[in-house]
C-alpha atoms as a PDB file:
ATOM      1  CA  MET A   1     -21.848 -19.400  15.698  1.00  0.00           C
ATOM      2  CA  ASP A   2     -21.531 -17.917  19.307  1.00  0.00           C
ATOM      3  CA  PRO A   3     -22.022 -14.176  20.064  1.00  0.00           C
ATOM      4  CA  ARG A   4     -18.542 -14.495  21.464  1.00  0.00           C
ATOM      5  CA  SER A   5     -17.191 -15.413  18.053  1.00  0.00           C
ATOM      6  CA  ILE A   6     -19.584 -12.899  16.332  1.00  0.00           C
ATOM      7  CA  ILE A   7     -18.520  -9.402  18.219  1.00  0.00           C
ATOM      8  CA  ILE A   8     -14.522  -9.369  18.311  1.00  0.00           C
ATOM      9  CA  ARG A   9     -14.775  -6.191  20.573  1.00  0.00           C
ATOM     10  CA  PRO A  10     -16.160  -2.474  20.740  1.00  0.00           C
ATOM     11  CA  VAL A  11     -15.041  -0.019  19.040  1.00  0.00           C
ATOM     12  CA  ILE A  12     -14.001   3.363  21.017  1.00  0.00           C
ATOM     13  CA  SER A  13     -13.421   6.376  19.793  1.00  0.00           C
ATOM     14  CA  GLU A  14     -14.650   9.827  20.055  1.00  0.00           C
ATOM     15  CA  LYS A  15     -17.491   9.660  17.264  1.00  0.00           C
ATOM     16  CA  THR A  16     -18.809   6.074  18.383  1.00  0.00           C
ATOM     17  CA  TYR A  17     -19.192   7.944  21.828  1.00  0.00           C
ATOM     18  CA  ALA A  18     -21.180  10.404  20.044  1.00  0.00           C
ATOM     19  CA  LEU A  19     -22.989   7.711  18.532  1.00  0.00           C
ATOM     20  CA  ILE A  20     -24.024   6.224  22.281  1.00  0.00           C
ATOM     21  CA  ALA A  21     -26.240   8.946  22.836  1.00  0.00           C
ATOM     22  CA  ALA A  22     -28.306   8.070  20.420  1.00  0.00           C
ATOM     23  CA  GLY A  23     -28.513   4.556  21.486  1.00  0.00           C
ATOM     24  CA  LYS A  24     -25.557   3.320  18.959  1.00  0.00           C
ATOM     25  CA  TYR A  25     -23.361   1.212  19.806  1.00  0.00           C
ATOM     26  CA  THR A  26     -20.031  -0.006  17.140  1.00  0.00           C
ATOM     27  CA  PHE A  27     -18.693  -3.746  17.416  1.00  0.00           C
ATOM     28  CA  ARG A  28     -16.247  -4.891  15.340  1.00  0.00           C
ATOM     29  CA  VAL A  29     -17.602  -8.085  14.177  1.00  0.00           C
ATOM     30  CA  ASP A  30     -16.481 -11.506  12.270  1.00  0.00           C
ATOM     31  CA  ASP A  31     -15.883 -10.756   8.702  1.00  0.00           C
ATOM     32  CA  ARG A  32     -18.702 -13.537   7.554  1.00  0.00           C
ATOM     33  CA  ALA A  33     -21.337 -12.420   9.881  1.00  0.00           C
ATOM     34  CA  HIS A  34     -24.580 -11.149   8.623  1.00  0.00           C
ATOM     35  CA  LYS A  35     -27.005  -8.769  10.154  1.00  0.00           C
ATOM     36  CA  PHE A  36     -29.146 -11.377  11.613  1.00  0.00           C
ATOM     37  CA  GLU A  37     -26.095 -13.053  13.166  1.00  0.00           C
ATOM     38  CA  ILE A  38     -25.084  -9.928  14.245  1.00  0.00           C
ATOM     39  CA  LYS A  39     -28.544  -8.986  16.124  1.00  0.00           C
ATOM     40  CA  ASP A  40     -28.749 -12.260  17.794  1.00  0.00           C
ATOM     41  CA  ALA A  41     -25.363 -12.285  19.070  1.00  0.00           C
ATOM     42  CA  VAL A  42     -25.738  -8.738  20.644  1.00  0.00           C
ATOM     43  CA  GLU A  43     -28.778  -9.551  22.342  1.00  0.00           C
ATOM     44  CA  LYS A  44     -27.413 -12.797  24.031  1.00  0.00           C
ATOM     45  CA  ALA A  45     -24.678 -11.273  24.767  1.00  0.00           C
ATOM     46  CA  PHE A  46     -25.994  -8.084  26.419  1.00  0.00           C
ATOM     47  CA  GLY A  47     -29.698  -8.876  27.357  1.00  0.00           C
ATOM     48  CA  VAL A  48     -30.899  -5.971  25.342  1.00  0.00           C
ATOM     49  CA  GLU A  49     -33.443  -5.578  22.500  1.00  0.00           C
ATOM     50  CA  VAL A  50     -31.681  -4.368  18.785  1.00  0.00           C
ATOM     51  CA  VAL A  51     -34.012  -2.517  16.079  1.00  0.00           C
ATOM     52  CA  LYS A  52     -31.619  -2.065  13.649  1.00  0.00           C
ATOM     53  CA  VAL A  53     -28.011  -3.282  12.447  1.00  0.00           C
ATOM     54  CA  ARG A  54     -25.924  -1.318   9.988  1.00  0.00           C
ATOM     55  CA  THR A  55     -22.902  -3.133   8.785  1.00  0.00           C
ATOM     56  CA  SER A  56     -19.883  -1.809   7.188  1.00  0.00           C
ATOM     57  CA  LYS A  57     -16.220  -3.004   5.527  1.00  0.00           C
ATOM     58  CA  VAL A  58     -13.240  -0.705   6.776  1.00  0.00           C
ATOM     59  CA  ARG A  59     -10.404  -1.490   4.189  1.00  0.00           C
ATOM     60  CA  SER A  60      -7.294  -2.253   5.082  1.00  0.00           C
ATOM     61  CA  LYS A  61      -4.452   1.271   4.774  1.00  0.00           C
ATOM     62  CA  PRO A  62      -0.509   1.699   3.571  1.00  0.00           C
ATOM     63  CA  LYS A  63       1.515   0.896   6.344  1.00  0.00           C
ATOM     64  CA  ARG A  64       5.293   1.499   6.318  1.00  0.00           C
ATOM     65  CA  ARG A  65       8.017   0.819   8.545  1.00  0.00           C
ATOM     66  CA  GLY A  66      11.294   1.711   7.541  1.00  0.00           C
ATOM     67  CA  LEU A  67      11.944  -0.046   4.045  1.00  0.00           C
ATOM     68  CA  ASN A  68       9.290  -2.548   4.543  1.00  0.00           C
ATOM     69  CA  SER A  69       5.992  -2.098   3.524  1.00  0.00           C
ATOM     70  CA  GLY A  70       3.079  -3.628   3.760  1.00  0.00           C
ATOM     71  CA  ARG A  71      -1.354  -3.131   4.892  1.00  0.00           C
ATOM     72  CA  SER A  72      -3.167  -3.134   7.493  1.00  0.00           C
ATOM     73  CA  ARG A  73      -5.488  -5.588   7.564  1.00  0.00           C
ATOM     74  CA  SER A  74      -9.296  -5.191   6.494  1.00  0.00           C
ATOM     75  CA  TRP A  75     -12.385  -5.374   9.255  1.00  0.00           C
ATOM     76  CA  LYS A  76     -16.259  -5.369   9.196  1.00  0.00           C
ATOM     77  CA  LYS A  77     -17.948  -2.920  11.761  1.00  0.00           C
ATOM     78  CA  ALA A  78     -21.421  -3.124  13.153  1.00  0.00           C
ATOM     79  CA  ILE A  79     -22.867   0.008  14.312  1.00  0.00           C
ATOM     80  CA  VAL A  80     -25.895  -1.651  16.209  1.00  0.00           C
ATOM     81  CA  GLN A  81     -29.195   0.451  17.342  1.00  0.00           C
ATOM     82  CA  LEU A  82     -30.953  -0.454  20.779  1.00  0.00           C
ATOM     83  CA  ALA A  83     -34.765  -0.242  21.760  1.00  0.00           C
ATOM     84  CA  PRO A  84     -35.647   2.913  23.848  1.00  0.00           C
ATOM     85  CA  GLY A  85     -34.958   2.567  27.219  1.00  0.00           C
ATOM     86  CA  ASN A  86     -31.898  -0.272  26.547  1.00  0.00           C
ATOM     87  CA  THR A  87     -28.217   0.204  27.475  1.00  0.00           C
ATOM     88  CA  ILE A  88     -25.242  -1.441  27.556  1.00  0.00           C
ATOM     89  CA  ASP A  89     -23.233  -0.759  30.446  1.00  0.00           C
ATOM     90  CA  LEU A  90     -19.924  -2.283  28.896  1.00  0.00           C
ATOM     91  CA  PHE A  91     -19.800   1.412  27.368  1.00  0.00           C
ATOM     92  CA  GLU A  92     -21.021   3.381  29.872  1.00  0.00           C
ATOM     93  CA  GLY A  93     -18.077   2.810  32.348  1.00  0.00           C
ATOM     94  CA  ALA A  94     -15.803   3.427  29.800  1.00  0.00           C
ATOM     95  CA  ALA A  95     -15.569   6.977  29.798  1.00  0.00           C
ATOM     96  CA  VAL A  96     -13.289   9.316  27.952  1.00  0.00           C
ATOM     97  CA  GLU A  97     -11.931  11.825  30.448  1.00  0.00           C
ATOM     98  CA  GLY A  98     -10.502  14.793  28.492  1.00  0.00           C
END
């Protein structure tokens, strides 16, 4: 698979910014991708060395808008730990002001 089809987008939140200090970056990934594919995709896309990949499924939540009710989509999240000294500039430039 192409790295752009595996990595959908980065996950930006307060919790993920706390993980960046430890060298861990969070991405929303394709539901069918496994850890080795995610590792290869991050290494090819950003030119970094990946040490560890942890994945989890984010379950859907019930949503309601007026009389219409439904569910949000479920998706897969990957937390990628980089080797010491490696960083991804995509996250460094998107600092949250507060």
